[in-house]
Amino acid sequence: MEKQPLVAIIIVTWNNQDEIRNCLDSIKRSSYENYKIIIVDNASKDSTTKIINKDYPEFDLIKNERNSHFTGGNNIGFKYAIEKYNPDFLMILNPDTIIDDDVIDKLVQIATNDDGIGAVGPKIKFKGGKNDGKINSASLFYDNFHSAYDLGFGEVDKGQFNETKEVFAVTGTCILFRTEVIKKTGGFWEILKMYTDEVELLIRVHKLGWKVIYTGEVTVWHKYMKSTNQEHETNYDKLKMRNWLLIALRHYSVRDKLRMIRDYLKFIF
């Protein structure tokens, strides 16, 4: 049997003691066998790292002395994984998720079928709460300016998003990247910290000529906003608008840069 490509799974944790076991156990149940798990902990104050050290000593744990946020944490994981394991693929996964057994298999299968594919993301569905079982994300809509949202958000899953297709972006809850993509892009733009970060990275992925694929054939279950809700002091809308301004200044035409500056000033004043 041909050896499976090596997948390095990067999980950035921050006070996830209530979710991390479910996440890691779901990976261990996976039908895919050739993987490494790198957990980057953003200075958790709860028992997250104790749980990992005690119950999952086979996985690599990096303990940050400060919170490097989603973007910085994943970049630390990327660098570590490439230097230590040189994997074929790098997969980011939120710690408050549970993956179905065939998720990694399907994402790798899609990516290996076409060398032009740089990133693949699965269907994301809610786990728990009032939206349990409903769709969280079936790829991202992006208007090329300052709007991006999850397609299918809150809809009952009737199979309407079961296709596999090329899209502009998929949610950062779970993305499988070809390692070459991360090497050439440098990973996430850390100034963004979180929110819109996957859109900015995927803009660069497209500029380099790679395709992004969404597949609704497999599912990742997500306790939506669990991690980000902890940052209750963060002004979500203000941070998102700041990030759109930074994205515009980095990627947009002069005309759209000026439009974004205008909209940003209207927003803050």
Protein backbone atom coordinates (compact mmCIF):
# COMPACT_ATOMS: atom_id res chain seq x y z
CA MET A 1 0.00 0.00 0.00
CA GLU A 2 1.28 3.47 -0.91
CA LYS A 3 2.29 5.46 2.14
CA GLN A 4 -0.10 8.19 3.17
CA PRO A 5 1.20 11.77 2.90
CA LEU A 6 2.26 13.17 6.26
CA VAL A 7 -0.15 15.69 7.77
CA ALA A 8 0.91 17.97 10.63
CA ILE A 9 -2.14 19.16 12.56
CA ILE A 10 -1.72 22.51 14.32
CA ILE A 11 -4.07 23.22 17.23
CA VAL A 12 -3.80 26.58 19.01
CA THR A 13 -5.22 26.44 22.53
CA TRP A 14 -6.16 29.09 25.04
CA ASN A 15 -8.06 27.97 28.15
CA ASN A 16 -9.64 24.99 26.39
CA GLN A 17 -9.66 22.46 29.24
CA ASP A 18 -13.32 21.65 28.58
CA GLU A 19 -12.89 20.90 24.87
CA ILE A 20 -9.37 19.66 24.19
CA ARG A 21 -9.98 16.00 25.07
CA ASN A 22 -12.91 15.73 22.66
CA CYS A 23 -10.87 17.34 19.91
CA LEU A 24 -7.77 15.17 20.34
CA ASP A 25 -9.77 11.97 20.84
CA SER A 26 -11.64 12.60 17.60
CA ILE A 27 -8.33 12.87 15.72
CA LYS A 28 -7.13 9.63 17.32
CA ARG A 29 -10.30 7.92 16.02
CA SER A 30 -9.55 9.13 12.51
CA SER A 31 -9.25 6.64 9.67
CA TYR A 32 -6.14 8.57 8.60
CA GLU A 33 -3.00 7.29 10.28
CA ASN A 34 0.01 9.32 9.09
CA TYR A 35 -0.25 12.50 11.12
CA LYS A 36 1.54 14.49 13.80
CA ILE A 37 -0.21 16.78 16.25
CA ILE A 38 1.40 20.03 17.36
CA ILE A 39 -0.46 21.93 20.08
CA VAL A 40 0.53 25.56 20.58
CA ASP A 41 -0.78 26.83 23.90
CA ASN A 42 -1.25 30.57 24.23
CA ALA A 43 -0.42 30.88 27.94
CA SER A 44 -3.58 29.16 29.22
CA LYS A 45 -4.47 29.85 32.84
CA ASP A 46 -6.60 26.72 33.24
CA SER A 47 -5.67 23.03 33.08
CA THR A 48 -5.29 22.74 29.31
CA THR A 49 -1.56 22.00 29.30
CA LYS A 50 -1.80 19.69 32.32
CA ILE A 51 -4.40 17.59 30.50
CA ILE A 52 -2.23 17.39 27.38
CA ASN A 53 0.92 16.49 29.32
CA LYS A 54 -0.87 13.82 31.34
CA ASP A 55 -3.24 12.24 28.83
CA TYR A 56 -1.61 12.95 25.46
CA PRO A 57 2.17 12.77 25.94
CA GLU A 58 2.59 11.45 22.39
CA PHE A 59 1.64 14.85 20.96
CA ASP A 60 4.00 17.81 20.69
CA LEU A 61 3.15 20.69 23.03
CA ILE A 62 4.59 24.18 22.68
CA LYS A 63 3.91 26.48 25.65
CA ASN A 64 3.90 30.16 24.79
CA GLU A 65 4.74 32.57 27.59
CA ARG A 66 2.22 35.05 26.21
CA ASN A 67 -0.90 34.92 24.08
CA SER A 68 0.24 35.03 20.46
CA HIS A 69 -3.39 34.84 19.27
CA PHE A 70 -4.69 32.71 16.41
CA THR A 71 -2.33 33.99 13.73
CA GLY A 72 0.86 33.96 15.77
CA GLY A 73 0.07 30.62 17.38
CA ASN A 74 -0.52 28.91 14.05
CA ASN A 75 2.64 30.41 12.58
CA ILE A 76 4.64 29.04 15.51
CA GLY A 77 3.10 25.64 14.84
CA PHE A 78 3.81 25.86 11.10
CA LYS A 79 7.48 26.68 11.68
CA TYR A 80 7.91 23.91 14.25
CA ALA A 81 6.16 21.30 12.09
CA ILE A 82 8.14 22.15 8.96
CA GLU A 83 11.48 22.14 10.77
CA LYS A 84 10.84 18.94 12.73
CA TYR A 85 8.69 16.83 10.39
CA ASN A 86 8.68 18.48 6.93
CA PRO A 87 5.10 17.27 6.33
CA ASP A 88 3.32 17.17 2.99
CA PHE A 89 0.36 19.06 4.44
CA LEU A 90 -0.31 21.40 7.34
CA MET A 91 -3.80 21.35 8.82
CA ILE A 92 -5.09 23.99 11.22
CA LEU A 93 -7.90 22.96 13.56
CA ASN A 94 -9.71 24.83 16.33
CA PRO A 95 -9.47 23.18 19.77
CA ASP A 96 -13.24 23.39 20.29
CA THR A 97 -13.99 21.03 17.40
CA ILE A 98 -14.65 17.34 16.83
CA ILE A 99 -13.75 15.87 13.46
CA ASP A 100 -15.56 12.99 11.79
CA ASP A 101 -13.44 9.90 11.17
CA ASP A 102 -13.01 10.52 7.43
CA VAL A 103 -12.24 14.25 7.45
CA ILE A 104 -8.45 14.08 7.07
CA ASP A 105 -8.73 11.28 4.51
CA LYS A 106 -11.09 13.28 2.30
CA LEU A 107 -9.17 16.56 2.54
CA VAL A 108 -5.89 14.85 1.65
CA GLN A 109 -7.53 12.89 -1.17
CA ILE A 110 -8.86 16.09 -2.74
CA ALA A 111 -5.55 17.93 -2.37
CA THR A 112 -3.46 15.10 -3.81
CA ASN A 113 -5.70 14.77 -6.86
CA ASP A 114 -4.62 18.21 -8.16
CA ASP A 115 -1.24 19.83 -7.59
CA GLY A 116 -2.88 23.20 -8.22
CA ILE A 117 -4.90 22.98 -5.00
CA GLY A 118 -3.35 24.98 -2.19
CA ALA A 119 -6.00 24.65 0.51
CA VAL A 120 -9.09 22.56 1.29
CA GLY A 121 -11.77 23.08 3.92
CA PRO A 122 -14.70 20.88 5.08
CA LYS A 123 -18.27 21.64 6.04
CA ILE A 124 -18.48 23.00 9.60
CA LYS A 125 -21.56 22.30 11.73
CA PHE A 126 -22.53 23.49 15.19
CA LYS A 127 -22.04 21.18 18.16
CA GLY A 128 -24.27 21.93 21.14
CA GLY A 129 -26.39 24.95 21.94
CA LYS A 130 -29.52 26.17 20.22
CA ASN A 131 -28.02 25.67 16.74
CA ASP A 132 -26.84 22.11 17.37
CA GLY A 133 -26.58 20.24 14.08
CA LYS A 134 -27.10 23.32 11.91
CA ILE A 135 -24.52 24.61 9.48
CA ASN A 136 -21.79 26.88 10.81
CA SER A 137 -19.89 27.32 7.53
CA ALA A 138 -20.04 25.92 4.02
CA SER A 139 -17.17 28.10 2.75
CA LEU A 140 -16.89 31.89 2.93
CA PHE A 141 -18.47 34.56 0.77
CA TYR A 142 -16.09 37.49 0.18
CA ASP A 143 -17.08 40.68 -1.66
CA ASN A 144 -13.49 41.77 -2.39
CA PHE A 145 -13.90 44.75 -0.08
CA HIS A 146 -14.93 44.51 3.58
CA SER A 147 -17.53 41.81 3.81
CA ALA A 148 -16.93 38.11 4.40
CA TYR A 149 -19.37 35.68 5.95
CA ASP A 150 -20.07 31.98 6.33
CA LEU A 151 -22.31 30.54 3.63
CA GLY A 152 -25.15 28.46 5.04
CA PHE A 153 -24.77 29.93 8.52
CA GLY A 154 -27.59 28.73 10.78
CA GLU A 155 -29.31 26.69 8.07
CA VAL A 156 -30.67 23.19 8.63
CA ASP A 157 -28.44 20.78 6.75
CA LYS A 158 -30.56 19.19 4.02
CA GLY A 159 -27.62 18.33 1.81
CA GLN A 160 -27.70 21.69 0.03
CA PHE A 161 -23.96 22.20 0.67
CA ASN A 162 -22.72 18.66 0.09
CA GLU A 163 -20.83 19.44 -3.12
CA THR A 164 -17.08 19.77 -3.59
CA LYS A 165 -16.15 22.92 -5.51
CA GLU A 166 -13.62 25.68 -5.97
CA VAL A 167 -14.28 28.73 -3.78
CA PHE A 168 -12.49 31.90 -2.80
CA ALA A 169 -12.17 31.07 0.89
CA VAL A 170 -12.99 28.58 3.63
CA THR A 171 -13.23 29.20 7.34
CA GLY A 172 -10.13 29.01 9.52
CA THR A 173 -11.88 26.56 11.85
CA CYS A 174 -10.29 23.78 9.79
CA ILE A 175 -8.11 24.14 6.70
CA LEU A 176 -5.69 21.69 5.11
CA PHE A 177 -2.83 23.57 3.42
CA ARG A 178 -0.24 22.19 1.06
CA THR A 179 3.01 22.79 2.95
CA GLU A 180 4.51 24.58 -0.05
CA VAL A 181 1.73 27.18 0.27
CA ILE A 182 2.72 28.03 3.83
CA LYS A 183 6.41 28.12 2.93
CA LYS A 184 5.78 30.55 0.06
CA THR A 185 3.24 32.78 1.81
CA GLY A 186 4.90 32.76 5.22
CA GLY A 187 1.61 31.77 6.84
CA PHE A 188 -0.78 34.13 8.58
CA TRP A 189 -0.25 37.89 8.79
CA GLU A 190 0.25 38.19 12.52
CA ILE A 191 -0.75 41.86 12.80
CA LEU A 192 -4.36 40.74 12.26
CA LYS A 193 -4.29 38.57 15.44
CA MET A 194 -7.72 37.01 14.67
CA TYR A 195 -10.82 37.58 12.48
CA THR A 196 -10.49 37.91 8.67
CA ASP A 197 -7.05 36.31 8.99
CA GLU A 198 -7.91 33.36 6.74
CA VAL A 199 -9.31 35.72 4.09
CA GLU A 200 -6.05 37.69 3.98
CA LEU A 201 -3.94 34.53 3.76
CA LEU A 202 -6.15 33.07 1.04
CA ILE A 203 -5.91 36.32 -0.96
CA ARG A 204 -2.16 35.64 -1.12
CA VAL A 205 -2.75 31.96 -1.90
CA HIS A 206 -4.83 32.96 -4.93
CA LYS A 207 -2.27 35.56 -6.02
CA LEU A 208 0.32 32.79 -6.17
CA GLY A 209 -1.95 30.79 -8.47
CA TRP A 210 -3.31 28.09 -6.16
CA LYS A 211 -6.92 27.02 -5.91
CA VAL A 212 -9.00 26.79 -2.73
CA ILE A 213 -11.53 23.96 -2.46
CA TYR A 214 -14.55 23.48 -0.22
CA THR A 215 -15.98 20.00 0.32
CA GLY A 216 -19.32 19.29 1.94
CA GLU A 217 -18.68 15.55 1.88
CA VAL A 218 -17.15 15.56 5.38
CA THR A 219 -17.94 17.43 8.57
CA VAL A 220 -16.14 19.11 11.44
CA TRP A 221 -18.27 19.91 14.50
CA HIS A 222 -17.65 23.25 16.20
CA LYS A 223 -18.62 24.73 19.56
CA TYR A 224 -18.98 28.10 17.84
CA MET A 225 -17.26 31.15 19.40
CA LYS A 226 -16.15 29.23 22.49
CA SER A 227 -12.54 30.42 22.27
CA THR A 228 -13.16 33.93 21.06
CA ASN A 229 -15.92 34.57 23.60
CA GLN A 230 -13.24 34.42 26.28
CA GLU A 231 -11.83 37.68 24.96
CA HIS A 232 -14.87 39.58 26.17
CA GLU A 233 -12.95 42.83 26.38
CA THR A 234 -12.21 42.78 22.65
CA ASN A 235 -14.46 45.01 20.55
CA TYR A 236 -15.31 42.54 17.80
CA ASP A 237 -16.64 45.03 15.26
CA LYS A 238 -13.83 47.51 15.82
CA LEU A 239 -11.18 44.83 15.44
CA LYS A 240 -12.76 43.49 12.25
CA MET A 241 -12.95 46.95 10.70
CA ARG A 242 -9.32 47.61 11.61
CA ASN A 243 -8.37 44.33 9.97
CA TRP A 244 -10.26 45.17 6.79
CA LEU A 245 -8.38 48.47 6.63
CA LEU A 246 -5.05 46.66 6.98
CA ILE A 247 -6.06 44.15 4.29
CA ALA A 248 -7.06 46.99 1.97
CA LEU A 249 -3.77 48.81 2.50
CA ARG A 250 -1.86 45.62 1.73
CA HIS A 251 -3.84 44.26 -1.22
CA TYR A 252 -6.34 46.67 -2.78
CA SER A 253 -6.16 49.22 -5.58
CA VAL A 254 -5.55 52.88 -4.76
CA ARG A 255 -9.23 53.60 -5.33
CA ASP A 256 -10.34 50.87 -2.95
CA LYS A 257 -7.72 51.86 -0.38
CA LEU A 258 -9.26 55.35 -0.31
CA ARG A 259 -12.77 53.93 -0.08
CA MET A 260 -11.72 51.75 2.85
CA ILE A 261 -10.04 54.64 4.66
CA ARG A 262 -13.25 56.65 4.23
CA ASP A 263 -15.39 53.82 5.61
CA TYR A 264 -13.00 53.21 8.49
CA LEU A 265 -13.02 56.87 9.53
CA LYS A 266 -16.83 56.92 9.36
CA PHE A 267 -16.91 53.84 11.57
CA ILE A 268 -14.58 55.09 14.30
CA PHE A 269 -15.98 58.61 14.41
